[in-house]
Every structure is written in C-alpha cells, then in structure tokens.
C-alpha cells in the first residue's frame, strides 16, 4: 500500500514539469502566497534553473489566462448614465450617439494611459499574513471591487477539486461497507485487518490463507476479551465509588 501511495505521489507531485499549471495558478491567487512564495517553494523543490524555467512558464500562462477573462478595453471605462427608457426624437438620438462616441473615445484615451493591469497591481501588493483562520474566499469577496477580473479567475480556479475519483470507486460500495461491529474496532485492529487482506491477496497457498484466517479469529477473540475486561473493571469502580 505504501509503495502504491509513493507511486501516486511521484506521478502527480514528484516532477514539477509534470504538475498541472492550474495548481500553481491557484497558489498565485492565494493572497498569502502569490508569485513570491511560489518562487521560493519551487526553488526549494528543485534546482534554481528549473525553478526559473517553471516561473517563466507560469507567468506566461497566468497572463494568457488573465487575458481570456479580461473584458474589452471599452467596457472597462465608465458608461453613459443617460436612462435608456427615455424616448428621444431622431435629431436627439443622433446627438446622443455622437456624444457617446466622443465620450468613449475620450475614455479610451484616459484608460490607455494606465498600462498597469489588475494582475500587475495584485502581484505588486504586499502578501497577506499567514494566519490559521484565513478565509481566502472572503478575501476575494471583500476585494472584488478592486479586482473584478481576477475575482472571476479565482472563482473558477479555486472551485476545481484538487483530486478526482474514478466513477467506479465513487459509486461502487463493494468492500467498503462496515457493519456496526467493525465500525467500533480500534485503529490497531483495523490496521491488522487491512494488512491481513493484503497478505491473503498475495498468498497462493490455501494453507497460508487458512492460517491467516485463524489468526484473524484469534485477534477478534482477544479484542472481545479486552473489551469485556474493560467493561467489568468500569462496573467494579462504579460500585466501589458508591460506597
């Protein structure tokens, strides 16, 4: 079991080149980590050269993803506040459209002066402190007016499950049903039963299987005996305590 767990770990986490980039993006969207902490973590996990390559790849992917969520430039500027339900004559409509076009052009010029994007501003700001009860979703909710585009990214990226389960494992209850008795077993006995199951699967001899089953029955008897002794001594202590 330990070997299989190690193989799974190496498959998904052993090589940073094979890791899903969205995992790194999720770290960047954590205001306690961002790129600074992630760069430090990658340098600890691998060589500085590989860490630099991964950081460059991550930045490119991060900005590409941000561009997908970023609205068109004209939609970021303020819109006209003239009510749309007011009926206007044709000359008035022409004047209105002309004024709106000039206003949008002016707004584009003003917006174009600021080359700093939401993502740049977010990354430049100081990281939040590492606190145990930090609520990352609440942080994004509070800061949504400042980072509306990043909020959409965080909403989608942070909603992705960190792991998936095969449908067969998710909907099949075979071998996972525990009765009331087995649910009350101590962790030590459960460990023994798990190991016994592995031994039975690996055993090719019927004698070995029979021997293991007998040992399992003996362990069950010992467990029952210990539980009865514990109940007996508790009752004795309660009786003596009454006097």
Protein backbone atom coordinates (compact mmCIF):
# COMPACT_ATOMS: atom_id res chain seq x y z
CA UNK A 1 0.00 0.00 0.00
CA UNK A 2 2.83 2.39 0.89
CA UNK A 3 4.57 1.66 -2.42
CA UNK A 4 1.39 2.45 -4.36
CA UNK A 5 0.95 5.68 -2.44
CA UNK A 6 4.56 6.65 -3.24
CA UNK A 7 3.99 5.88 -6.93
CA UNK A 8 0.88 8.07 -6.96
CA UNK A 9 2.74 10.88 -5.23
CA UNK A 10 5.63 10.72 -7.70
CA UNK A 11 3.17 10.65 -10.60
CA UNK A 12 1.41 13.88 -9.65
CA UNK A 13 3.91 15.70 -7.40
CA UNK A 14 7.33 14.14 -7.95
CA UNK A 15 8.27 16.20 -11.01
CA UNK A 16 7.27 19.87 -11.21
CA UNK A 17 7.40 19.71 -15.02
CA UNK A 18 4.50 17.24 -14.98
CA UNK A 19 2.39 19.09 -12.44
CA UNK A 20 -0.78 20.81 -13.56
CA UNK A 21 -0.12 24.52 -14.02
CA UNK A 22 -3.51 25.33 -12.56
CA UNK A 23 -2.16 24.18 -9.20
CA UNK A 24 0.43 26.94 -9.41
CA UNK A 25 -2.17 29.44 -10.62
CA UNK A 26 -4.28 28.59 -7.56
CA UNK A 27 -1.26 29.36 -5.37
CA UNK A 28 -0.81 32.71 -7.09
CA UNK A 29 -4.46 33.54 -6.44
CA UNK A 30 -3.86 32.95 -2.74
CA UNK A 31 -3.09 36.48 -1.45
CA UNK A 32 -0.77 34.98 1.17
CA UNK A 33 1.47 33.38 -1.45
CA UNK A 34 1.35 34.95 -4.91
CA UNK A 35 4.47 34.67 -7.08
CA UNK A 36 6.93 35.49 -4.31
CA UNK A 37 6.15 32.50 -2.13
CA UNK A 38 5.70 30.20 -5.11
CA UNK A 39 9.13 31.12 -6.44
CA UNK A 40 10.63 30.31 -3.05
CA UNK A 41 8.79 26.97 -2.87
CA UNK A 42 9.87 25.91 -6.36
CA UNK A 43 13.50 26.76 -5.61
CA UNK A 44 13.29 24.50 -2.56
CA UNK A 45 11.70 21.66 -4.54
CA UNK A 46 14.13 21.69 -7.47
CA UNK A 47 17.21 23.34 -8.89
CA UNK A 48 17.29 27.10 -9.36
CA UNK A 49 17.48 26.70 -13.14
CA UNK A 50 14.39 24.50 -13.31
CA UNK A 51 12.58 26.79 -10.88
CA UNK A 52 13.32 29.80 -13.11
CA UNK A 53 12.04 27.97 -16.18
CA UNK A 54 8.87 26.97 -14.39
CA UNK A 55 8.30 30.50 -13.10
CA UNK A 56 8.67 31.92 -16.61
CA UNK A 57 6.25 29.34 -17.97
CA UNK A 58 3.83 30.06 -15.15
CA UNK A 59 3.90 33.83 -15.71
CA UNK A 60 3.19 33.40 -19.42
CA UNK A 61 0.29 31.06 -18.72
CA UNK A 62 -1.01 33.32 -15.96
CA UNK A 63 -1.14 36.39 -18.19
CA UNK A 64 -2.69 34.38 -21.03
CA UNK A 65 -5.41 33.18 -18.69
CA UNK A 66 -5.94 36.71 -17.42
CA UNK A 67 -6.35 37.97 -21.00
CA UNK A 68 -9.08 35.38 -21.54
CA UNK A 69 -11.04 36.76 -18.60
CA UNK A 70 -10.24 40.41 -19.24
CA UNK A 71 -13.17 42.30 -20.78
CA UNK A 72 -12.67 44.51 -23.86
CA UNK A 73 -10.99 47.81 -23.11
CA UNK A 74 -14.05 49.95 -23.85
CA UNK A 75 -16.15 48.02 -21.34
CA UNK A 76 -13.75 48.91 -18.52
CA UNK A 77 -14.48 52.60 -18.92
CA UNK A 78 -17.49 54.26 -17.40
CA UNK A 79 -20.67 54.13 -19.41
CA UNK A 80 -23.10 56.97 -20.00
CA UNK A 81 -25.65 57.42 -17.25
CA UNK A 82 -28.44 58.61 -19.56
CA UNK A 83 -31.56 56.47 -18.86
CA UNK A 84 -32.34 54.14 -21.74
CA UNK A 85 -36.09 54.27 -21.26
CA UNK A 86 -36.41 57.97 -22.18
CA UNK A 87 -37.94 58.48 -25.62
CA UNK A 88 -35.93 60.85 -27.80
CA UNK A 89 -36.57 62.28 -31.22
CA UNK A 90 -34.38 61.34 -34.18
CA UNK A 91 -32.19 64.50 -34.01
CA UNK A 92 -31.78 63.98 -30.29
CA UNK A 93 -30.83 60.34 -30.89
CA UNK A 94 -28.12 61.41 -33.34
CA UNK A 95 -26.73 63.94 -30.87
CA UNK A 96 -26.81 61.32 -28.13
CA UNK A 97 -24.95 58.75 -30.24
CA UNK A 98 -22.37 61.34 -31.28
CA UNK A 99 -21.77 62.44 -27.70
CA UNK A 100 -21.47 58.83 -26.55
CA UNK A 101 -18.95 58.08 -29.30
CA UNK A 102 -16.85 61.10 -28.37
CA UNK A 103 -17.11 60.18 -24.70
CA UNK A 104 -15.98 56.60 -25.34
CA UNK A 105 -13.07 57.84 -27.42
CA UNK A 106 -12.02 60.15 -24.61
CA UNK A 107 -12.36 57.37 -22.06
CA UNK A 108 -10.23 55.08 -24.22
CA UNK A 109 -7.51 57.69 -24.27
CA UNK A 110 -7.66 58.05 -20.49
CA UNK A 111 -7.76 54.31 -19.86
CA UNK A 112 -4.93 53.75 -22.29
CA UNK A 113 -2.61 55.91 -20.21
CA UNK A 114 -2.63 53.40 -17.35
CA UNK A 115 -0.75 50.34 -18.57
CA UNK A 116 -0.86 48.59 -15.20
CA UNK A 117 -3.37 45.76 -15.27
CA UNK A 118 -5.34 44.30 -12.40
CA UNK A 119 -2.98 41.35 -12.33
CA UNK A 120 0.09 43.57 -12.08
CA UNK A 121 -1.43 45.58 -9.24
CA UNK A 122 -2.40 42.41 -7.39
CA UNK A 123 1.07 40.89 -7.71
CA UNK A 124 2.84 44.10 -6.65
CA UNK A 125 0.83 44.48 -3.45
CA UNK A 126 2.27 43.01 -0.27
CA UNK A 127 1.24 39.47 0.61
CA UNK A 128 -1.25 38.83 3.37
CA UNK A 129 -0.01 37.34 6.63
CA UNK A 130 -0.12 33.56 7.13
CA UNK A 131 -2.88 33.09 9.68
CA UNK A 132 -4.59 29.83 10.52
CA UNK A 133 -8.18 31.01 10.09
CA UNK A 134 -7.56 32.97 6.88
CA UNK A 135 -10.63 32.83 4.60
CA UNK A 136 -9.44 33.17 1.01
CA UNK A 137 -12.98 33.26 -0.41
CA UNK A 138 -13.96 36.06 1.95
CA UNK A 139 -10.82 37.98 0.94
CA UNK A 140 -11.80 37.84 -2.72
CA UNK A 141 -15.35 38.85 -1.88
CA UNK A 142 -14.15 41.91 0.03
CA UNK A 143 -11.63 42.89 -2.65
CA UNK A 144 -13.90 42.21 -5.62
CA UNK A 145 -14.37 45.94 -6.41
CA UNK A 146 -10.61 46.32 -6.83
CA UNK A 147 -10.03 43.10 -8.78
CA UNK A 148 -13.24 42.24 -10.68
CA UNK A 149 -11.45 40.29 -13.41
CA UNK A 150 -9.21 38.38 -11.03
CA UNK A 151 -12.28 37.60 -8.96
CA UNK A 152 -13.74 35.68 -11.90
CA UNK A 153 -10.46 33.81 -12.32
CA UNK A 154 -10.33 32.94 -8.62
CA UNK A 155 -13.95 31.82 -8.65
CA UNK A 156 -13.26 29.30 -11.42
CA UNK A 157 -9.75 28.17 -10.48
CA UNK A 158 -10.34 27.75 -6.76
CA UNK A 159 -13.51 25.76 -7.44
CA UNK A 160 -11.54 23.00 -9.21
CA UNK A 161 -11.20 19.88 -7.00
CA UNK A 162 -7.59 19.18 -6.04
CA UNK A 163 -8.12 15.50 -6.81
CA UNK A 164 -10.59 13.31 -8.68
CA UNK A 165 -12.03 9.88 -8.03
CA UNK A 166 -12.83 7.30 -10.67
CA UNK A 167 -16.57 6.80 -11.16
CA UNK A 168 -16.20 3.11 -10.30
CA UNK A 169 -14.65 3.98 -6.95
CA UNK A 170 -17.15 6.74 -6.28
CA UNK A 171 -20.31 4.70 -6.89
CA UNK A 172 -19.17 1.18 -6.00
CA UNK A 173 -19.64 0.21 -2.36
CA UNK A 174 -18.04 -3.22 -2.72
CA UNK A 175 -15.53 -3.83 0.05
CA UNK A 176 -16.37 -0.52 1.74
CA UNK A 177 -19.43 -1.49 3.77
CA UNK A 178 -18.81 -1.58 7.54
CA UNK A 179 -21.30 -3.02 9.98
CA UNK A 180 -21.84 -1.69 13.49
CA UNK A 181 -19.30 -4.09 14.98
CA UNK A 182 -16.48 -3.37 12.58
CA UNK A 183 -17.09 0.36 12.81
CA UNK A 184 -16.26 0.16 16.52
CA UNK A 185 -12.91 -1.59 16.06
CA UNK A 186 -9.81 0.07 17.41
CA UNK A 187 -7.35 1.59 14.90
CA UNK A 188 -4.84 -1.16 15.69
CA UNK A 189 -7.27 -3.95 14.80
CA UNK A 190 -8.33 -2.13 11.64
CA UNK A 191 -4.67 -1.94 10.63
CA UNK A 192 -4.31 -5.66 11.28
CA UNK A 193 -7.33 -6.41 9.10
CA UNK A 194 -6.01 -4.25 6.25
CA UNK A 195 -2.64 -5.99 6.37
CA UNK A 196 -4.36 -9.38 6.55
CA UNK A 197 -6.35 -8.58 3.43
CA UNK A 198 -3.13 -7.73 1.57
CA UNK A 199 -1.49 -10.96 2.76
CA UNK A 200 -4.47 -13.02 1.63
CA UNK A 201 -4.35 -11.48 -1.84
CA UNK A 202 -0.63 -12.23 -2.12
CA UNK A 203 -0.90 -15.77 -0.73
CA UNK A 204 -1.07 -18.59 -3.24
CA UNK A 205 -1.37 -21.44 -0.76
CA UNK A 206 -4.67 -22.44 0.79
CA UNK A 207 -2.83 -23.34 3.97
CA UNK A 208 -1.50 -19.81 4.29
CA UNK A 209 -4.97 -18.39 3.81
CA UNK A 210 -6.44 -20.73 6.41
CA UNK A 211 -3.67 -19.89 8.84
CA UNK A 212 -4.22 -16.17 8.41
CA UNK A 213 -7.97 -16.57 8.91
CA UNK A 214 -7.35 -18.47 12.15
CA UNK A 215 -5.03 -15.73 13.35
CA UNK A 216 -7.65 -13.14 12.50
CA UNK A 217 -10.24 -15.03 14.53
CA UNK A 218 -7.84 -15.21 17.47
CA UNK A 219 -7.32 -11.46 17.26
CA UNK A 220 -11.08 -10.94 17.31
CA UNK A 221 -11.35 -13.06 20.46
CA UNK A 222 -8.58 -11.08 22.13
CA UNK A 223 -10.30 -7.84 21.19
CA UNK A 224 -13.61 -9.03 22.63
CA UNK A 225 -11.89 -10.20 25.81
CA UNK A 226 -10.21 -6.85 26.30
CA UNK A 227 -13.48 -5.02 25.79
CA UNK A 228 -15.27 -7.26 28.33
CA UNK A 229 -12.48 -6.76 30.88
CA UNK A 230 -12.68 -3.01 30.42
CA UNK A 231 -16.45 -3.05 30.97
CA UNK A 232 -16.04 -5.28 34.06
CA UNK A 233 -13.48 -3.00 35.71
CA UNK A 234 -15.53 0.08 34.98
CA UNK A 235 -18.54 -1.51 36.69
CA UNK A 236 -16.38 -2.50 39.68
CA UNK A 237 -15.05 1.03 40.02
CA UNK A 238 -18.57 2.46 39.85
CA UNK A 239 -19.77 0.06 42.58
CA UNK A 240 -16.84 0.84 44.87
CA UNK A 241 -17.27 4.53 44.25
CA UNK A 242 -20.85 4.38 45.57
CA UNK A 243 -19.55 3.30 48.96
